[in-house]
Protein backbone atom coordinates (compact mmCIF):
# COMPACT_ATOMS: atom_id res chain seq x y z
CA MET A 1 56.28 -68.43 57.65
CA PRO A 2 52.63 -67.78 56.20
CA LEU A 3 52.63 -66.26 52.68
CA TRP A 4 50.98 -63.19 53.27
CA LYS A 5 53.28 -61.91 56.39
CA ILE A 6 56.02 -62.31 53.46
CA ALA A 7 53.90 -59.68 51.40
CA CYS A 8 53.74 -57.84 54.42
CA ARG A 9 57.33 -57.90 54.86
CA SER A 10 57.81 -56.71 50.98
CA ILE A 11 55.48 -53.99 51.54
CA GLN A 12 57.29 -52.76 54.09
CA PHE A 13 60.56 -52.75 52.73
CA ARG A 14 59.17 -50.61 50.14
CA ALA A 15 57.17 -48.62 52.46
CA VAL A 16 57.21 -45.04 50.32
CA SER A 17 56.00 -46.45 47.41
CA SER A 18 53.61 -48.86 48.49
CA ALA A 19 51.91 -46.16 50.88
CA LEU A 20 52.05 -43.87 48.03
CA THR A 21 50.45 -46.42 45.93
CA ALA A 22 47.74 -47.38 48.62
CA PHE A 23 46.76 -43.61 49.45
CA SER A 24 46.24 -43.02 45.43
CA MET A 25 43.86 -46.04 45.40
CA SER A 26 42.25 -44.56 48.75
CA LEU A 27 41.26 -41.41 47.23
CA GLY A 28 39.37 -42.65 44.05
CA ALA A 29 37.94 -45.61 47.47
CA ALA A 30 36.64 -42.27 48.73
CA LEU A 31 35.30 -40.56 46.03
CA ILE A 32 33.35 -43.63 45.35
CA VAL A 33 31.75 -43.82 48.62
CA THR A 34 30.95 -40.03 49.45
CA VAL A 35 28.93 -40.03 45.87
CA ILE A 36 27.41 -43.34 47.15
CA VAL A 37 26.10 -41.92 50.61
CA ILE A 38 25.46 -38.63 50.12
CA HIS A 39 23.42 -39.88 46.64
CA GLY A 40 21.40 -42.46 48.89
CA VAL A 41 21.09 -40.12 51.75
CA LEU A 42 19.24 -37.57 49.10
CA SER A 43 17.19 -40.32 47.73
CA ASP A 44 15.58 -41.12 51.02
CA SER A 45 15.50 -37.26 51.91
CA PHE A 46 13.62 -36.98 48.52
CA ASN A 47 11.59 -39.78 48.46
CA ARG A 48 10.20 -39.66 52.23
CA SER A 49 9.36 -35.66 52.53
CA ALA A 50 5.93 -36.48 50.80
CA GLN A 51 5.26 -39.82 52.57
CA GLY A 52 2.99 -38.05 55.09
CA TYR A 53 0.32 -37.62 52.23
CA ASP A 54 -1.21 -39.33 49.14
CA LEU A 55 -2.06 -37.39 46.57
CA ILE A 56 -1.54 -33.60 46.11
CA VAL A 57 -4.29 -31.45 44.42
CA ALA A 58 -3.37 -28.34 42.26
CA GLY A 59 -4.46 -26.47 39.48
CA LYS A 60 -3.84 -27.99 35.68
CA GLY A 61 0.07 -27.74 34.57
CA SER A 62 3.45 -29.96 35.10
CA PRO A 63 2.98 -31.98 38.02
CA LEU A 64 6.86 -31.75 38.54
CA ASP A 65 6.21 -28.45 38.95
CA VAL A 66 3.11 -29.39 41.46
CA VAL A 67 5.60 -31.44 43.60
CA LEU A 68 8.42 -29.13 43.47
CA SER A 69 5.92 -25.91 44.47
CA SER A 70 4.15 -27.86 47.05
CA VAL A 71 6.53 -30.05 48.63
CA PHE A 72 9.97 -28.67 48.22
CA TYR A 73 8.90 -24.90 47.83
CA LEU A 74 11.10 -24.37 44.88
CA ARG A 75 8.73 -23.18 42.61
CA PRO A 76 5.81 -21.01 42.42
CA PRO A 77 2.30 -22.49 42.46
CA VAL A 78 0.90 -24.06 39.89
CA GLY A 79 -2.53 -22.76 39.67
CA GLU A 80 -5.49 -22.23 42.44
CA VAL A 81 -7.39 -25.31 43.91
CA PRO A 82 -11.06 -23.30 45.01
CA ASP A 83 -12.26 -23.77 48.67
CA SER A 84 -15.27 -26.10 47.15
CA TYR A 85 -12.85 -28.36 46.45
CA LEU A 86 -11.68 -28.95 49.57
CA LYS A 87 -15.12 -28.77 51.14
CA MET A 88 -15.89 -31.87 48.08
CA PHE A 89 -12.69 -33.71 50.02
CA GLN A 90 -13.63 -32.95 53.46
CA ARG A 91 -17.38 -33.48 53.46
CA GLY A 92 -18.88 -33.80 50.02
CA GLN A 93 -18.57 -36.24 46.81
CA TYR A 94 -15.17 -37.76 47.76
CA SER A 95 -15.27 -37.62 51.26
CA HIS A 96 -15.66 -41.17 51.55
CA LEU A 97 -12.63 -41.96 49.88
CA ILE A 98 -10.32 -39.42 51.95
CA GLU A 99 -8.72 -39.04 55.64
CA GLU A 100 -7.70 -35.64 55.96
CA ALA A 101 -7.42 -32.47 53.56
CA ILE A 102 -5.12 -29.86 54.46
CA PRO A 103 -4.77 -26.99 52.59
CA VAL A 104 -1.35 -24.87 51.63
CA SER A 105 -1.26 -21.53 50.16
CA ILE A 106 2.58 -20.06 49.20
CA GLY A 107 3.21 -16.79 48.23
CA HIS A 108 5.39 -14.51 50.42
CA HIS A 109 8.74 -15.02 52.43
CA PHE A 110 10.83 -13.50 55.04
CA ARG A 111 14.54 -12.94 54.85
CA GLY A 112 14.38 -15.65 52.10
CA ALA A 113 12.39 -18.22 53.74
CA PRO A 114 9.05 -19.43 51.91
CA ILE A 115 6.04 -18.55 53.77
CA VAL A 116 3.54 -21.51 54.02
CA GLY A 117 -0.34 -21.06 55.07
CA THR A 118 -1.84 -24.35 56.13
CA SER A 119 -3.93 -25.15 59.22
CA PRO A 120 -3.13 -27.18 62.51
CA GLU A 121 -3.57 -30.78 61.00
CA PHE A 122 -0.23 -30.00 59.23
CA PHE A 123 1.44 -30.80 62.05
CA THR A 124 -0.77 -33.43 63.52
CA LYS A 125 -1.95 -35.21 61.28
CA LEU A 126 0.90 -35.37 58.61
CA LYS A 127 4.00 -37.86 58.97
CA TYR A 128 7.53 -37.08 57.32
CA MET A 129 10.33 -39.59 56.90
CA GLY A 130 7.81 -42.69 56.95
CA ASN A 131 6.14 -42.78 59.88
CA ARG A 132 7.61 -40.22 62.11
CA GLU A 133 5.81 -37.37 64.15
CA TYR A 134 6.46 -33.72 64.07
CA LYS A 135 8.20 -32.49 67.42
CA PHE A 136 8.62 -28.93 68.82
CA ALA A 137 11.84 -27.94 69.38
CA ALA A 138 10.94 -24.90 71.45
CA GLY A 139 6.79 -23.70 71.86
CA ARG A 140 3.82 -25.29 70.09
CA ASN A 141 1.88 -25.64 67.22
CA PHE A 142 -1.04 -22.81 66.04
CA THR A 143 -4.34 -23.26 66.68
CA PHE A 144 -7.74 -22.09 65.66
CA GLY A 145 -8.78 -19.09 66.18
CA GLU A 146 -5.16 -17.76 66.83
CA ASP A 147 -5.10 -16.33 63.28
CA PHE A 148 -1.56 -14.49 63.60
CA THR A 149 0.20 -16.80 64.60
CA ALA A 150 3.43 -18.90 63.04
CA VAL A 151 5.55 -21.43 63.30
CA ALA A 152 9.18 -21.72 62.33
CA GLY A 153 11.04 -24.88 61.10
CA SER A 154 14.33 -25.54 62.09
CA ARG A 155 16.49 -24.21 59.79
CA ALA A 156 14.57 -20.94 59.05
CA SER A 157 14.38 -20.20 63.02
CA LYS A 158 18.28 -20.13 62.46
CA ARG A 159 18.32 -18.36 58.68
CA THR A 160 15.65 -15.42 59.72
CA GLY A 161 16.54 -15.59 63.30
CA LEU A 162 12.70 -16.04 64.52
CA LYS A 163 12.17 -17.41 67.84
CA VAL A 164 9.10 -18.34 69.96
CA GLY A 165 7.83 -14.97 70.88
CA ASP A 166 9.01 -12.58 67.93
CA GLU A 167 6.82 -11.15 65.34
CA PHE A 168 7.57 -10.64 61.83
CA THR A 169 5.59 -9.32 58.70
CA PRO A 170 5.69 -11.53 55.79
CA GLU A 171 6.67 -9.76 52.59
CA SER A 172 6.27 -10.27 48.32
CA VAL A 173 7.59 -8.44 45.32
CA GLN A 174 4.02 -7.36 44.46
CA ASP A 175 3.43 -5.75 48.20
CA ALA A 176 6.78 -4.06 47.95
CA GLU A 177 5.59 -2.39 44.43
CA GLU A 178 2.25 -1.25 46.16
CA GLY A 179 3.42 -0.28 49.26
CA LEU A 180 1.21 -2.75 51.27
CA GLU A 181 1.77 -3.16 54.99
CA HIS A 182 0.70 -6.57 56.52
CA ARG A 183 -0.14 -7.06 60.43
CA PRO A 184 2.74 -9.12 61.92
CA PHE A 185 2.64 -12.89 62.70
CA LYS A 186 4.13 -14.25 66.13
CA VAL A 187 5.99 -17.24 66.24
CA VAL A 188 4.72 -19.87 68.76
CA GLY A 189 6.94 -22.62 67.97
CA VAL A 190 9.53 -23.42 66.38
CA LEU A 191 9.87 -27.40 64.81
CA ALA A 192 12.79 -29.83 65.71
CA PRO A 193 14.86 -30.66 62.77
CA THR A 194 13.27 -33.37 60.40
CA GLY A 195 15.64 -33.20 57.06
CA THR A 196 12.67 -32.76 55.22
CA PRO A 197 12.42 -29.14 53.20
CA ASN A 198 9.77 -28.16 55.67
CA ASP A 199 12.66 -27.34 57.94
CA GLY A 200 13.43 -24.36 55.68
CA ALA A 201 9.82 -22.77 55.94
CA VAL A 202 7.74 -20.55 57.92
CA PHE A 203 4.16 -21.45 58.41
CA ILE A 204 1.17 -19.50 59.51
CA ASN A 205 -1.98 -19.97 60.07
CA ILE A 206 -4.10 -20.28 56.75
CA ASP A 207 -6.51 -17.41 58.35
CA GLY A 208 -4.15 -15.14 59.33
CA PHE A 209 -2.71 -15.84 55.52
CA TYR A 210 -5.58 -14.83 54.19
CA ASP A 211 -6.79 -11.54 56.57
CA MET A 212 -3.08 -10.42 55.46
CA HIS A 213 -4.69 -10.10 52.01
CA GLY A 214 -7.69 -8.55 52.99
CA HIS A 215 -9.86 -11.54 52.40
CA ASP A 216 -12.33 -13.13 54.81
CA HIS A 217 -12.81 -16.53 56.30
CA HIS A 218 -14.81 -18.95 54.15
CA GLU A 219 -18.48 -19.27 55.40
CA SER A 220 -17.74 -23.63 56.29
CA GLY A 221 -15.03 -23.11 59.05
CA ASP A 222 -13.51 -26.01 58.12
CA VAL A 223 -10.64 -24.78 58.08
CA ALA A 224 -10.31 -21.74 60.00
CA GLY A 225 -12.87 -23.01 62.93
CA HIS A 226 -15.31 -20.52 62.57
CA SER A 227 -17.60 -18.56 60.13
CA HIS A 228 -17.19 -15.06 58.76
CA ALA A 229 -18.35 -13.12 55.72
CA GLU A 230 -18.04 -14.90 53.05
CA GLU A 231 -15.25 -14.61 50.08
CA PRO A 232 -14.28 -17.83 48.08
CA ARG A 233 -10.67 -18.62 48.81
CA LYS A 234 -8.47 -20.24 46.65
CA TYR A 235 -5.35 -22.65 47.90
CA SER A 236 -1.93 -23.52 46.21
CA ALA A 237 -2.56 -26.90 47.04
CA VAL A 238 -4.92 -29.71 49.14
CA LEU A 239 -2.77 -32.44 50.30
CA LEU A 240 -4.69 -35.61 50.70
CA MET A 241 -4.47 -38.57 53.40
CA THR A 242 -6.61 -41.25 51.67
CA LYS A 243 -8.49 -44.13 53.25
CA GLN A 244 -7.19 -47.51 53.07
CA ASN A 245 -9.65 -50.25 53.08
CA THR A 246 -9.41 -52.93 55.40
CA VAL A 247 -13.07 -55.18 53.62
CA LYS A 248 -12.81 -58.27 52.32
CA PRO A 249 -13.53 -58.36 48.59
CA GLN A 250 -16.94 -59.04 47.89
CA GLY A 251 -17.95 -62.32 45.91
CA THR A 252 -15.54 -64.05 48.18
CA ALA A 253 -17.08 -67.04 50.51
CA VAL A 254 -14.63 -68.44 53.50
CA ASP A 255 -16.64 -70.88 55.60
CA PRO A 256 -14.51 -70.84 58.82
CA ASN A 257 -15.31 -74.51 59.53
CA SER A 258 -14.29 -75.70 55.90
CA PRO A 259 -11.03 -78.43 56.22
CA ASP A 260 -9.05 -75.91 53.48
CA PHE A 261 -9.90 -73.10 56.08
CA ASN A 262 -6.87 -70.63 56.13
CA PRO A 263 -6.92 -67.58 58.78
CA SER A 264 -3.58 -66.34 57.21
CA ALA A 265 -5.28 -66.55 53.84
CA VAL A 266 -8.58 -64.47 54.83
CA LEU A 267 -6.44 -61.72 56.06
CA ASP A 268 -4.57 -61.21 53.00
CA GLU A 269 -7.72 -60.95 51.65
CA ARG A 270 -9.18 -58.08 53.76
CA ALA A 271 -6.00 -56.23 53.11
CA TYR A 272 -5.97 -54.18 50.01
CA VAL A 273 -5.54 -51.03 48.59
CA ASN A 274 -8.73 -48.50 48.47
CA ILE A 275 -9.47 -49.48 44.06
CA ASP A 276 -11.53 -46.23 44.31
CA ALA A 277 -8.92 -43.87 45.94
CA MET A 278 -6.13 -45.03 43.42
CA LYS A 279 -8.66 -43.59 40.66
CA LEU A 280 -8.79 -40.12 41.27
CA PRO A 281 -6.36 -38.49 40.37
CA GLY A 282 -7.83 -39.54 36.55
CA VAL A 283 -11.59 -39.02 37.68
CA LEU A 284 -10.63 -35.45 38.52
CA ASP A 285 -8.34 -34.64 35.74
CA LYS A 286 -11.37 -35.80 32.94
CA THR A 287 -14.18 -33.83 35.33
CA THR A 288 -12.53 -31.13 36.91
CA ASP A 289 -10.11 -28.09 36.40
CA ILE A 290 -8.02 -29.59 38.76
CA GLN A 291 -5.35 -32.80 39.06
CA ALA A 292 -4.13 -34.99 41.83
CA VAL A 293 -0.68 -36.11 41.66
CA SER A 294 1.58 -38.33 43.74
CA PRO A 295 4.16 -36.94 44.89
CA VAL A 296 6.82 -40.37 45.48
CA ARG A 297 5.67 -41.13 41.76
CA GLU A 298 6.89 -37.39 40.51
CA ILE A 299 9.93 -37.87 43.05
CA THR A 300 11.07 -41.36 41.97
CA ALA A 301 10.84 -39.87 37.90
CA LEU A 302 13.37 -37.11 39.07
CA LEU A 303 15.81 -39.00 40.78
CA THR A 304 16.07 -42.05 38.18
CA GLY A 305 15.77 -40.05 35.34
CA ILE A 306 18.15 -36.76 36.25
CA ILE A 307 19.95 -37.28 39.77
CA GLY A 308 20.31 -40.70 39.05
CA ASN A 309 21.95 -40.13 35.87
CA ILE A 310 24.38 -37.73 37.52
CA GLN A 311 25.45 -40.40 40.21
CA MET A 312 26.18 -42.94 37.61
CA VAL A 313 28.83 -40.09 35.95
CA LEU A 314 29.78 -39.02 39.29
CA ILE A 315 30.86 -42.62 40.57
CA PHE A 316 32.26 -43.72 36.65
CA LEU A 317 34.77 -40.75 37.40
CA SER A 318 35.30 -42.21 40.86
CA VAL A 319 35.85 -45.46 39.16
CA LEU A 320 38.43 -43.68 36.58
CA VAL A 321 40.51 -42.31 39.51
CA VAL A 322 40.51 -45.99 41.20
CA LEU A 323 41.80 -47.79 37.42
CA THR A 324 44.16 -45.03 37.04
CA ALA A 325 45.61 -45.97 40.43
CA GLY A 326 45.37 -49.80 39.91
CA ILE A 327 47.79 -49.44 36.85
CA GLY A 328 49.48 -47.24 38.88
CA MET A 329 50.35 -50.06 41.45
CA MET A 330 50.82 -52.41 38.49
CA VAL A 331 53.86 -50.19 36.86
CA SER A 332 55.02 -49.78 40.87
CA ILE A 333 55.31 -53.41 41.67
CA TYR A 334 56.33 -54.37 37.92
CA ASN A 335 59.06 -51.97 37.86
CA SER A 336 60.45 -53.47 41.28
CA MET A 337 60.64 -56.77 39.78
CA SER A 338 64.21 -55.79 38.34
CA GLU A 339 65.02 -55.16 41.87
CA ARG A 340 63.79 -58.32 43.36
CA LYS A 341 65.32 -60.64 40.83
CA GLN A 342 67.98 -62.02 43.55
CA GLU A 343 65.31 -62.05 45.92
CA ILE A 344 63.16 -64.08 43.77
CA ALA A 345 66.34 -66.19 42.99
CA VAL A 346 67.06 -67.27 46.56
CA MET A 347 63.35 -67.82 47.29
CA ARG A 348 63.59 -70.27 44.78
CA ALA A 349 66.64 -71.65 45.56
CA LEU A 350 65.18 -72.58 49.01
CA GLY A 351 62.63 -74.61 47.85
CA ALA A 352 60.17 -71.81 46.66
CA ARG A 353 57.98 -73.06 43.84
CA ARG A 354 57.24 -70.81 40.89
CA LEU A 355 53.17 -70.59 41.86
CA THR A 356 54.39 -69.70 45.58
CA VAL A 357 56.39 -66.59 44.32
CA MET A 358 53.42 -65.73 41.85
CA THR A 359 50.90 -66.13 44.63
CA ILE A 360 53.14 -63.80 47.00
CA ILE A 361 53.49 -61.12 44.31
CA LEU A 362 49.17 -61.06 43.93
CA LEU A 363 48.92 -60.84 47.84
CA GLU A 364 51.16 -57.54 47.68
CA SER A 365 48.71 -56.27 45.07
CA ILE A 366 45.99 -57.58 46.82
CA LEU A 367 46.86 -56.36 50.35
CA LEU A 368 47.49 -52.72 49.07
CA SER A 369 44.35 -52.71 47.34
CA LEU A 370 42.64 -54.00 50.88
CA GLY A 371 44.46 -51.03 52.61
CA GLY A 372 43.76 -48.23 49.84
CA GLY A 373 40.21 -49.59 49.99
CA LEU A 374 39.46 -49.51 54.07
CA LEU A 375 41.70 -46.45 53.79
CA GLY A 376 39.34 -44.49 51.44
CA LEU A 377 36.56 -46.23 53.27
CA PHE A 378 37.52 -43.58 56.58
CA PHE A 379 38.52 -40.67 54.14
CA GLY A 380 34.89 -40.79 52.71
CA HIS A 381 33.40 -40.70 55.83
CA LEU A 382 35.41 -38.05 57.08
CA LEU A 383 34.70 -36.04 54.00
CA ILE A 384 31.20 -36.88 54.37
CA GLY A 385 31.08 -35.90 58.01
CA GLY A 386 32.84 -32.66 57.24
CA ILE A 387 30.47 -31.15 53.96
CA GLY A 388 27.53 -32.66 56.00
CA PRO A 389 26.68 -29.11 57.66
CA TRP A 390 27.22 -27.55 54.40
CA ILE A 391 24.54 -29.91 52.90
CA SER A 392 22.40 -29.69 55.93
CA GLU A 393 22.43 -25.50 55.63
CA TYR A 394 22.16 -25.38 51.99
CA THR A 395 19.23 -27.90 51.52
CA GLY A 396 18.13 -28.78 54.91
CA ILE A 397 18.91 -32.63 54.47
CA ILE A 398 20.78 -33.87 57.45
CA VAL A 399 23.79 -35.79 56.21
CA ARG A 400 26.16 -37.37 58.87
CA ALA A 401 29.81 -39.12 59.24
CA TRP A 402 28.06 -42.45 60.31
CA ASP A 403 25.68 -42.98 57.55
CA PHE A 404 26.04 -46.04 55.55
CA LYS A 405 24.97 -47.60 52.59
CA PRO A 406 25.15 -51.29 51.25
CA MET A 407 26.43 -50.43 48.36
CA GLU A 408 29.76 -50.07 49.88
CA LEU A 409 30.30 -53.02 50.57
CA VAL A 410 30.23 -53.75 47.20
CA LEU A 411 34.17 -51.64 47.02
CA LEU A 412 35.93 -53.82 48.96
CA PRO A 413 35.30 -56.93 46.67
CA GLY A 414 35.64 -54.90 44.03
CA LEU A 415 39.50 -54.01 45.25
CA VAL A 416 40.21 -57.35 45.61
CA LEU A 417 39.41 -57.86 41.89
CA LEU A 418 40.87 -55.27 40.67
CA ALA A 419 44.24 -55.84 42.62
CA SER A 420 43.98 -59.47 40.95
CA VAL A 421 44.13 -58.47 37.41
CA VAL A 422 46.56 -55.49 37.92
CA GLY A 423 48.95 -57.95 40.14
CA PHE A 424 48.57 -60.69 37.34
CA LEU A 425 51.02 -59.30 34.73
CA PRO A 426 54.27 -58.77 37.73
CA ALA A 427 53.28 -61.84 38.82
CA ALA A 428 53.55 -63.43 35.62
CA VAL A 429 57.12 -62.20 35.29
CA ALA A 430 58.19 -63.32 38.99
CA TYR A 431 56.12 -66.73 37.99
CA LYS A 432 58.80 -66.94 34.57
CA GLN A 433 62.09 -65.81 36.19
CA ASP A 434 65.24 -68.36 35.59
CA VAL A 435 66.83 -68.85 38.81
CA ALA A 436 70.20 -69.61 37.17
CA THR A 437 70.41 -66.48 34.97
CA SER A 438 69.07 -64.10 38.73
CA LEU A 439 72.16 -65.81 40.04
CA THR A 440 74.72 -65.10 38.05
CA PRO A 441 76.78 -61.85 38.91
């Protein structure tokens, strides 16, 4: 009979204690899986939330606050960006570096959902989660000329009850204190879920945002699409998509008739980052009263410096649970050795070698760990599926039971290694057991 079958029979003979040992191991494994998957999904969502644009232009202040305000809508705006800078990015001094410049103004809320004033290009030019386009679950995008129109994020629509055709009036503490009333906005669209902070916001036409405050449209008409009497606008931030050059660097001469000509090398040379665009943050910081922040860089620093440390603490605590379960398994198997003296002695008397008996005990430990690990994987993803709706409700980040992270693959080999270590002591006891003494009544 194969040794692993003998080990399985031994586990079945002590079914209750074996089940409890595997279950305790599964709890620790489930905690590790839950932490790995949820942290991975959150990290991916944070990192990809701002990938539709390269830079955020805002007033002087903390770069992290700029990101938390403009990307996640969690902080008040950091300073203001005069309309003259928007013109500079759209058709002025820096327009040769900028693909798109989209203004954003933040400052009101409706039933707890932040109100974001922006232009229609926010949903047509920007992407999210890598290269995904915004889609509408109902209705459509607002357009230029429709000043008092709005688009609700999927989570904001549920939270506020807004749907296509509804009207609402943005609220603010200052307006409430001054007794101001604004013209209502009409919802013309509801976004499909994106898994980004935009799900929790209500977006209004930026023209209506300024009309609501009694400001007129600016003279250029770049954002509004038409001209009015001027009063310079000031935005909370401007989102920039920089141009990517595909021109061969100067000073490189390649002869296509040369025997050393390599077409793939030429293509590699012609694809390079726009160096001038990369220098833009430094130039603006030194020469203007605004700053340009890389959202990806700030989010990465946040995840590495704070959230990453929290993950390590949670994984450390989960590993302690697994180690405790492993020690419990060692104690359980060790205590059973006194009950199995005659069983082991009979195996030895029938010709089993010491190493064979030792291997069977180690296999028991490994099988219990693997069983607990597989059960932990199942429990972990079941737990993720259970708390996923709660996470989505409060953060807008979609976490599903079938989300998988490659780091989970390390779990089972790690449990096998742990089982080999904790099973060594009982196996050594079985190895040294004297046959004659064990068979003596």
